[in-house]
């Protein structure tokens, strides 16, 4: 299996703390059902849209105001 990588970046007019809070407020930007904590190290949460999608995310790195890493067979790193 070929491993592929995708990287993107963008700028917003918010402080790092405001952005970090918004990123970790998953319920505000995912419209499906979310169960579990989404804002602390070691947390595991599920995201589900009935009859469409279901996935489990693990927070493997959590540095307030700086970085959060979600793992689900792939890794999403959000660094501020």
PDB file of N, CA and C in Angstrom:
ATOM      1  N   UNK A   1       0.840  -1.182   0.000  1.00  0.00           N
ATOM      2  CA  UNK A   1       0.000   0.000   0.000  1.00  0.00           C
ATOM      3  C   UNK A   1       0.880   1.238   0.000  1.00  0.00           C
ATOM      4  N   UNK A   2       0.568   2.171  -0.847  1.00  0.00           N
ATOM      5  CA  UNK A   2       1.313   3.411  -0.941  1.00  0.00           C
ATOM      6  C   UNK A   2       0.839   4.395   0.130  1.00  0.00           C
ATOM      7  N   UNK A   3       1.779   4.988   0.849  1.00  0.00           N
ATOM      8  CA  UNK A   3       1.450   5.987   1.854  1.00  0.00           C
ATOM      9  C   UNK A   3       1.497   7.356   1.210  1.00  0.00           C
ATOM     10  N   UNK A   4       0.449   8.121   1.401  1.00  0.00           N
ATOM     11  CA  UNK A   4       0.393   9.459   0.846  1.00  0.00           C
ATOM     12  C   UNK A   4       0.296  10.463   1.972  1.00  0.00           C
ATOM     13  N   UNK A   5       0.703  11.685   1.686  1.00  0.00           N
ATOM     14  CA  UNK A   5       0.700  12.733   2.689  1.00  0.00           C
ATOM     15  C   UNK A   5      -0.005  13.957   2.125  1.00  0.00           C
ATOM     16  N   UNK A   6      -0.705  14.654   2.998  1.00  0.00           N
ATOM     17  CA  UNK A   6      -1.395  15.881   2.616  1.00  0.00           C
ATOM     18  C   UNK A   6      -1.129  16.917   3.690  1.00  0.00           C
ATOM     19  N   UNK A   7      -0.709  18.085   3.288  1.00  0.00           N
ATOM     20  CA  UNK A   7      -0.459  19.177   4.222  1.00  0.00           C
ATOM     21  C   UNK A   7      -1.095  20.443   3.680  1.00  0.00           C
ATOM     22  N   UNK A   8      -1.698  21.212   4.564  1.00  0.00           N
ATOM     23  CA  UNK A   8      -2.254  22.499   4.178  1.00  0.00           C
ATOM     24  C   UNK A   8      -2.110  23.459   5.344  1.00  0.00           C
ATOM     25  N   UNK A   9      -2.187  24.732   5.077  1.00  0.00           N
ATOM     26  CA  UNK A   9      -2.160  25.730   6.144  1.00  0.00           C
ATOM     27  C   UNK A   9      -2.993  26.926   5.723  1.00  0.00           C
ATOM     28  N   UNK A  10      -3.445  27.675   6.711  1.00  0.00           N
ATOM     29  CA  UNK A  10      -4.199  28.892   6.449  1.00  0.00           C
ATOM     30  C   UNK A  10      -4.073  29.802   7.650  1.00  0.00           C
ATOM     31  N   UNK A  11      -4.390  31.052   7.466  1.00  0.00           N
ATOM     32  CA  UNK A  11      -4.270  32.058   8.512  1.00  0.00           C
ATOM     33  C   UNK A  11      -5.652  32.568   8.885  1.00  0.00           C
ATOM     34  N   UNK A  12      -5.873  32.751  10.188  1.00  0.00           N
ATOM     35  CA  UNK A  12      -7.128  33.322  10.671  1.00  0.00           C
ATOM     36  C   UNK A  12      -6.807  34.487  11.603  1.00  0.00           C
ATOM     37  N   UNK A  13      -7.739  35.384  11.735  1.00  0.00           N
ATOM     38  CA  UNK A  13      -7.557  36.559  12.584  1.00  0.00           C
ATOM     39  C   UNK A  13      -8.069  36.273  13.998  1.00  0.00           C
ATOM     40  N   UNK A  14      -7.454  35.285  14.660  1.00  0.00           N
ATOM     41  CA  UNK A  14      -7.816  34.883  16.023  1.00  0.00           C
ATOM     42  C   UNK A  14      -6.532  34.548  16.772  1.00  0.00           C
ATOM     43  N   UNK A  15      -6.608  34.603  18.095  1.00  0.00           N
ATOM     44  CA  UNK A  15      -5.441  34.240  18.902  1.00  0.00           C
ATOM     45  C   UNK A  15      -5.266  32.720  18.887  1.00  0.00           C
ATOM     46  N   UNK A  16      -4.060  32.227  19.178  1.00  0.00           N
ATOM     47  CA  UNK A  16      -3.863  30.775  19.253  1.00  0.00           C
ATOM     48  C   UNK A  16      -4.815  30.106  20.250  1.00  0.00           C
ATOM     49  N   UNK A  17      -5.081  30.739  21.387  1.00  0.00           N
ATOM     50  CA  UNK A  17      -6.010  30.146  22.360  1.00  0.00           C
ATOM     51  C   UNK A  17      -7.428  30.056  21.809  1.00  0.00           C
ATOM     52  N   UNK A  18      -7.875  31.084  21.082  1.00  0.00           N
ATOM     53  CA  UNK A  18      -9.222  31.057  20.484  1.00  0.00           C
ATOM     54  C   UNK A  18      -9.319  29.953  19.432  1.00  0.00           C
ATOM     55  N   UNK A  19      -8.286  29.809  18.626  1.00  0.00           N
ATOM     56  CA  UNK A  19      -8.275  28.781  17.589  1.00  0.00           C
ATOM     57  C   UNK A  19      -8.251  27.397  18.229  1.00  0.00           C
ATOM     58  N   UNK A  20      -7.415  27.209  19.236  1.00  0.00           N
ATOM     59  CA  UNK A  20      -7.320  25.922  19.911  1.00  0.00           C
ATOM     60  C   UNK A  20      -8.672  25.522  20.503  1.00  0.00           C
ATOM     61  N   UNK A  21      -9.339  26.460  21.148  1.00  0.00           N
ATOM     62  CA  UNK A  21     -10.661  26.180  21.715  1.00  0.00           C
ATOM     63  C   UNK A  21     -11.654  25.801  20.608  1.00  0.00           C
ATOM     64  N   UNK A  22     -11.642  26.531  19.502  1.00  0.00           N
ATOM     65  CA  UNK A  22     -12.570  26.244  18.398  1.00  0.00           C
ATOM     66  C   UNK A  22     -12.308  24.863  17.790  1.00  0.00           C
ATOM     67  N   UNK A  23     -11.040  24.512  17.618  1.00  0.00           N
ATOM     68  CA  UNK A  23     -10.698  23.206  17.051  1.00  0.00           C
ATOM     69  C   UNK A  23     -11.196  22.082  17.958  1.00  0.00           C
ATOM     70  N   UNK A  24     -11.057  22.266  19.251  1.00  0.00           N
ATOM     71  CA  UNK A  24     -11.429  21.216  20.193  1.00  0.00           C
ATOM     72  C   UNK A  24     -12.900  21.229  20.583  1.00  0.00           C
ATOM     73  N   UNK A  25     -13.658  22.171  20.054  1.00  0.00           N
ATOM     74  CA  UNK A  25     -15.104  22.192  20.239  1.00  0.00           C
ATOM     75  C   UNK A  25     -15.730  21.490  19.035  1.00  0.00           C
ATOM     76  N   UNK A  26     -15.430  20.207  18.924  1.00  0.00           N
ATOM     77  CA  UNK A  26     -15.822  19.421  17.750  1.00  0.00           C
ATOM     78  C   UNK A  26     -17.325  19.466  17.498  1.00  0.00           C
ATOM     79  N   UNK A  27     -18.120  19.493  18.545  1.00  0.00           N
ATOM     80  CA  UNK A  27     -19.579  19.520  18.382  1.00  0.00           C
ATOM     81  C   UNK A  27     -20.064  20.769  17.652  1.00  0.00           C
ATOM     82  N   UNK A  28     -19.269  21.825  17.657  1.00  0.00           N
ATOM     83  CA  UNK A  28     -19.656  23.059  16.975  1.00  0.00           C
ATOM     84  C   UNK A  28     -19.423  22.985  15.464  1.00  0.00           C
ATOM     85  N   UNK A  29     -18.544  22.095  15.009  1.00  0.00           N
ATOM     86  CA  UNK A  29     -18.264  22.065  13.566  1.00  0.00           C
ATOM     87  C   UNK A  29     -18.511  20.733  12.901  1.00  0.00           C
ATOM     88  N   UNK A  30     -18.869  19.694  13.635  1.00  0.00           N
ATOM     89  CA  UNK A  30     -19.325  18.435  13.042  1.00  0.00           C
ATOM     90  C   UNK A  30     -20.785  18.268  13.414  1.00  0.00           C
ATOM     91  N   UNK A  31     -21.639  18.078  12.435  1.00  0.00           N
ATOM     92  CA  UNK A  31     -23.078  18.062  12.683  1.00  0.00           C
ATOM     93  C   UNK A  31     -23.638  16.704  13.080  1.00  0.00           C
ATOM     94  N   UNK A  32     -22.850  15.656  13.029  1.00  0.00           N
ATOM     95  CA  UNK A  32     -23.337  14.330  13.398  1.00  0.00           C
ATOM     96  C   UNK A  32     -23.366  14.127  14.904  1.00  0.00           C
ATOM     97  N   UNK A  33     -23.557  12.878  15.313  1.00  0.00           N
ATOM     98  CA  UNK A  33     -23.590  12.522  16.726  1.00  0.00           C
ATOM     99  C   UNK A  33     -22.160  12.309  17.224  1.00  0.00           C
ATOM    100  N   UNK A  34     -21.813  12.944  18.325  1.00  0.00           N
ATOM    101  CA  UNK A  34     -20.487  12.800  18.912  1.00  0.00           C
ATOM    102  C   UNK A  34     -20.647  12.299  20.336  1.00  0.00           C
ATOM    103  N   UNK A  35     -19.926  11.230  20.653  1.00  0.00           N
ATOM    104  CA  UNK A  35     -19.960  10.692  22.007  1.00  0.00           C
ATOM    105  C   UNK A  35     -18.536  10.634  22.541  1.00  0.00           C
ATOM    106  N   UNK A  36     -18.347  11.153  23.752  1.00  0.00           N
ATOM    107  CA  UNK A  36     -17.041  11.135  24.387  1.00  0.00           C
ATOM    108  C   UNK A  36     -16.442  12.532  24.471  1.00  0.00           C
ATOM    109  N   UNK A  37     -15.337  12.621  25.192  1.00  0.00           N
ATOM    110  CA  UNK A  37     -14.636  13.897  25.349  1.00  0.00           C
ATOM    111  C   UNK A  37     -13.819  14.207  24.108  1.00  0.00           C
ATOM    112  N   UNK A  38     -13.786  15.484  23.745  1.00  0.00           N
ATOM    113  CA  UNK A  38     -13.048  15.910  22.557  1.00  0.00           C
ATOM    114  C   UNK A  38     -11.967  16.930  22.900  1.00  0.00           C
ATOM    115  N   UNK A  39     -11.678  17.082  24.187  1.00  0.00           N
ATOM    116  CA  UNK A  39     -10.805  18.185  24.586  1.00  0.00           C
ATOM    117  C   UNK A  39      -9.800  17.855  25.679  1.00  0.00           C
ATOM    118  N   UNK A  40      -9.283  16.593  25.667  1.00  0.00           N
ATOM    119  CA  UNK A  40      -8.240  16.283  26.641  1.00  0.00           C
ATOM    120  C   UNK A  40      -7.398  15.106  26.162  1.00  0.00           C
ATOM    121  N   UNK A  41      -6.155  15.089  26.610  1.00  0.00           N
ATOM    122  CA  UNK A  41      -5.214  14.045  26.232  1.00  0.00           C
ATOM    123  C   UNK A  41      -5.744  12.674  26.628  1.00  0.00           C
ATOM    124  N   UNK A  42      -5.621  11.724  25.713  1.00  0.00           N
ATOM    125  CA  UNK A  42      -6.055  10.356  25.964  1.00  0.00           C
ATOM    126  C   UNK A  42      -7.523  10.104  25.722  1.00  0.00           C
ATOM    127  N   UNK A  43      -8.272  11.157  25.423  1.00  0.00           N
ATOM    128  CA  UNK A  43      -9.712  10.998  25.189  1.00  0.00           C
ATOM    129  C   UNK A  43      -9.961  10.243  23.891  1.00  0.00           C
ATOM    130  N   UNK A  44     -11.095   9.567  23.864  1.00  0.00           N
ATOM    131  CA  UNK A  44     -11.542   8.868  22.669  1.00  0.00           C
ATOM    132  C   UNK A  44     -12.985   9.279  22.427  1.00  0.00           C
ATOM    133  N   UNK A  45     -13.283   9.654  21.191  1.00  0.00           N
ATOM    134  CA  UNK A  45     -14.672   9.997  20.891  1.00  0.00           C
ATOM    135  C   UNK A  45     -15.075   9.386  19.564  1.00  0.00           C
ATOM    136  N   UNK A  46     -16.373   9.167  19.425  1.00  0.00           N
ATOM    137  CA  UNK A  46     -16.905   8.634  18.177  1.00  0.00           C
ATOM    138  C   UNK A  46     -17.732   9.708  17.489  1.00  0.00           C
ATOM    139  N   UNK A  47     -17.693   9.648  16.179  1.00  0.00           N
ATOM    140  CA  UNK A  47     -18.476  10.554  15.337  1.00  0.00           C
ATOM    141  C   UNK A  47     -19.336   9.682  14.437  1.00  0.00           C
ATOM    142  N   UNK A  48     -20.618  10.006  14.377  1.00  0.00           N
ATOM    143  CA  UNK A  48     -21.536   9.162  13.606  1.00  0.00           C
ATOM    144  C   UNK A  48     -22.600  10.000  12.911  1.00  0.00           C
ATOM    145  N   UNK A  49     -22.786   9.701  11.642  1.00  0.00           N
ATOM    146  CA  UNK A  49     -23.915  10.217  10.876  1.00  0.00           C
ATOM    147  C   UNK A  49     -24.685   8.956  10.474  1.00  0.00           C
ATOM    148  N   UNK A  50     -25.856   8.734  11.065  1.00  0.00           N
ATOM    149  CA  UNK A  50     -26.589   7.492  10.812  1.00  0.00           C
ATOM    150  C   UNK A  50     -26.721   7.163   9.319  1.00  0.00           C
ATOM    151  N   UNK A  51     -26.451   5.910   8.989  1.00  0.00           N
ATOM    152  CA  UNK A  51     -26.547   5.376   7.622  1.00  0.00           C
ATOM    153  C   UNK A  51     -25.544   5.994   6.649  1.00  0.00           C
ATOM    154  N   UNK A  52     -24.569   6.777   7.154  1.00  0.00           N
ATOM    155  CA  UNK A  52     -23.602   7.409   6.256  1.00  0.00           C
ATOM    156  C   UNK A  52     -22.161   7.151   6.689  1.00  0.00           C
ATOM    157  N   UNK A  53     -21.857   7.425   7.952  1.00  0.00           N
ATOM    158  CA  UNK A  53     -20.455   7.385   8.390  1.00  0.00           C
ATOM    159  C   UNK A  53     -20.376   7.143   9.891  1.00  0.00           C
ATOM    160  N   UNK A  54     -19.321   6.435  10.297  1.00  0.00           N
ATOM    161  CA  UNK A  54     -19.030   6.242  11.711  1.00  0.00           C
ATOM    162  C   UNK A  54     -17.523   6.104  11.865  1.00  0.00           C
ATOM    163  N   UNK A  55     -16.935   6.798  12.843  1.00  0.00           N
ATOM    164  CA  UNK A  55     -15.501   6.695  13.074  1.00  0.00           C
ATOM    165  C   UNK A  55     -15.179   6.973  14.533  1.00  0.00           C
ATOM    166  N   UNK A  56     -13.993   6.504  14.943  1.00  0.00           N
ATOM    167  CA  UNK A  56     -13.521   6.703  16.306  1.00  0.00           C
ATOM    168  C   UNK A  56     -12.193   7.462  16.226  1.00  0.00           C
ATOM    169  N   UNK A  57     -12.056   8.510  17.014  1.00  0.00           N
ATOM    170  CA  UNK A  57     -10.835   9.311  17.074  1.00  0.00           C
ATOM    171  C   UNK A  57     -10.214   9.193  18.460  1.00  0.00           C
ATOM    172  N   UNK A  58      -8.900   9.203  18.525  1.00  0.00           N
ATOM    173  CA  UNK A  58      -8.171   9.209  19.788  1.00  0.00           C
ATOM    174  C   UNK A  58      -7.288  10.452  19.815  1.00  0.00           C
ATOM    175  N   UNK A  59      -7.291  11.154  20.928  1.00  0.00           N
ATOM    176  CA  UNK A  59      -6.424  12.321  21.073  1.00  0.00           C
ATOM    177  C   UNK A  59      -5.111  11.824  21.673  1.00  0.00           C
ATOM    178  N   UNK A  60      -4.062  11.821  20.844  1.00  0.00           N
ATOM    179  CA  UNK A  60      -2.783  11.252  21.249  1.00  0.00           C
ATOM    180  C   UNK A  60      -1.762  12.303  21.679  1.00  0.00           C
ATOM    181  N   UNK A  61      -2.033  13.552  21.378  1.00  0.00           N
ATOM    182  CA  UNK A  61      -1.172  14.644  21.827  1.00  0.00           C
ATOM    183  C   UNK A  61      -2.052  15.866  22.038  1.00  0.00           C
ATOM    184  N   UNK A  62      -1.853  16.573  23.136  1.00  0.00           N
ATOM    185  CA  UNK A  62      -2.727  17.700  23.478  1.00  0.00           C
ATOM    186  C   UNK A  62      -1.912  18.718  24.266  1.00  0.00           C
ATOM    187  N   UNK A  63      -1.546  19.810  23.596  1.00  0.00           N
ATOM    188  CA  UNK A  63      -0.783  20.895  24.222  1.00  0.00           C
ATOM    189  C   UNK A  63      -1.636  22.159  24.102  1.00  0.00           C
ATOM    190  N   UNK A  64      -2.325  22.549  25.198  1.00  0.00           N
ATOM    191  CA  UNK A  64      -3.242  23.695  25.137  1.00  0.00           C
ATOM    192  C   UNK A  64      -2.614  24.938  24.503  1.00  0.00           C
ATOM    193  N   UNK A  65      -3.374  25.512  23.558  1.00  0.00           N
ATOM    194  CA  UNK A  65      -2.936  26.716  22.858  1.00  0.00           C
ATOM    195  C   UNK A  65      -1.905  26.475  21.785  1.00  0.00           C
ATOM    196  N   UNK A  66      -1.501  25.210  21.582  1.00  0.00           N
ATOM    197  CA  UNK A  66      -0.435  24.941  20.613  1.00  0.00           C
ATOM    198  C   UNK A  66      -0.715  23.803  19.631  1.00  0.00           C
ATOM    199  N   UNK A  67      -1.151  22.647  20.127  1.00  0.00           N
ATOM    200  CA  UNK A  67      -1.203  21.486  19.246  1.00  0.00           C
ATOM    201  C   UNK A  67      -2.167  20.425  19.761  1.00  0.00           C
ATOM    202  N   UNK A  68      -2.874  19.779  18.819  1.00  0.00           N
ATOM    203  CA  UNK A  68      -3.688  18.602  19.128  1.00  0.00           C
ATOM    204  C   UNK A  68      -3.474  17.591  18.006  1.00  0.00           C
ATOM    205  N   UNK A  69      -3.330  16.325  18.371  1.00  0.00           N
ATOM    206  CA  UNK A  69      -3.137  15.260  17.389  1.00  0.00           C
ATOM    207  C   UNK A  69      -4.253  14.242  17.575  1.00  0.00           C
ATOM    208  N   UNK A  70      -4.976  13.979  16.492  1.00  0.00           N
ATOM    209  CA  UNK A  70      -6.038  12.975  16.471  1.00  0.00           C
ATOM    210  C   UNK A  70      -5.533  11.786  15.680  1.00  0.00           C
ATOM    211  N   UNK A  71      -5.776  10.579  16.170  1.00  0.00           N
ATOM    212  CA  UNK A  71      -5.361   9.377  15.454  1.00  0.00           C
ATOM    213  C   UNK A  71      -6.570   8.492  15.204  1.00  0.00           C
ATOM    214  N   UNK A  72      -6.665   7.992  13.988  1.00  0.00           N
ATOM    215  CA  UNK A  72      -7.744   7.090  13.589  1.00  0.00           C
ATOM    216  C   UNK A  72      -7.272   6.250  12.404  1.00  0.00           C
ATOM    217  N   UNK A  73      -6.200   5.539  12.563  1.00  0.00           N
ATOM    218  CA  UNK A  73      -5.629   4.833  11.429  1.00  0.00           C
ATOM    219  C   UNK A  73      -4.838   5.805  10.557  1.00  0.00           C
ATOM    220  N   UNK A  74      -5.060   7.060  10.746  1.00  0.00           N
ATOM    221  CA  UNK A  74      -4.313   8.164  10.138  1.00  0.00           C
ATOM    222  C   UNK A  74      -4.154   9.195  11.234  1.00  0.00           C
ATOM    223  N   UNK A  75      -3.333  10.159  11.035  1.00  0.00           N
ATOM    224  CA  UNK A  75      -3.104  11.178  12.066  1.00  0.00           C
ATOM    225  C   UNK A  75      -3.359  12.555  11.507  1.00  0.00           C
ATOM    226  N   UNK A  76      -4.077  13.360  12.272  1.00  0.00           N
ATOM    227  CA  UNK A  76      -4.295  14.771  11.928  1.00  0.00           C
ATOM    228  C   UNK A  76      -3.597  15.592  12.997  1.00  0.00           C
ATOM    229  N   UNK A  77      -2.627  16.383  12.605  1.00  0.00           N
ATOM    230  CA  UNK A  77      -1.905  17.225  13.549  1.00  0.00           C
ATOM    231  C   UNK A  77      -2.284  18.670  13.300  1.00  0.00           C
ATOM    232  N   UNK A  78      -2.790  19.322  14.314  1.00  0.00           N
ATOM    233  CA  UNK A  78      -3.184  20.721  14.228  1.00  0.00           C
ATOM    234  C   UNK A  78      -2.243  21.510  15.126  1.00  0.00           C
ATOM    235  N   UNK A  79      -1.324  22.251  14.536  1.00  0.00           N
ATOM    236  CA  UNK A  79      -0.339  23.001  15.315  1.00  0.00           C
ATOM    237  C   UNK A  79      -0.568  24.475  15.094  1.00  0.00           C
ATOM    238  N   UNK A  80      -0.524  25.245  16.187  1.00  0.00           N
ATOM    239  CA  UNK A  80      -0.739  26.686  16.127  1.00  0.00           C
ATOM    240  C   UNK A  80       0.564  27.407  16.322  1.00  0.00           C
TER     241      UNK A  80
END
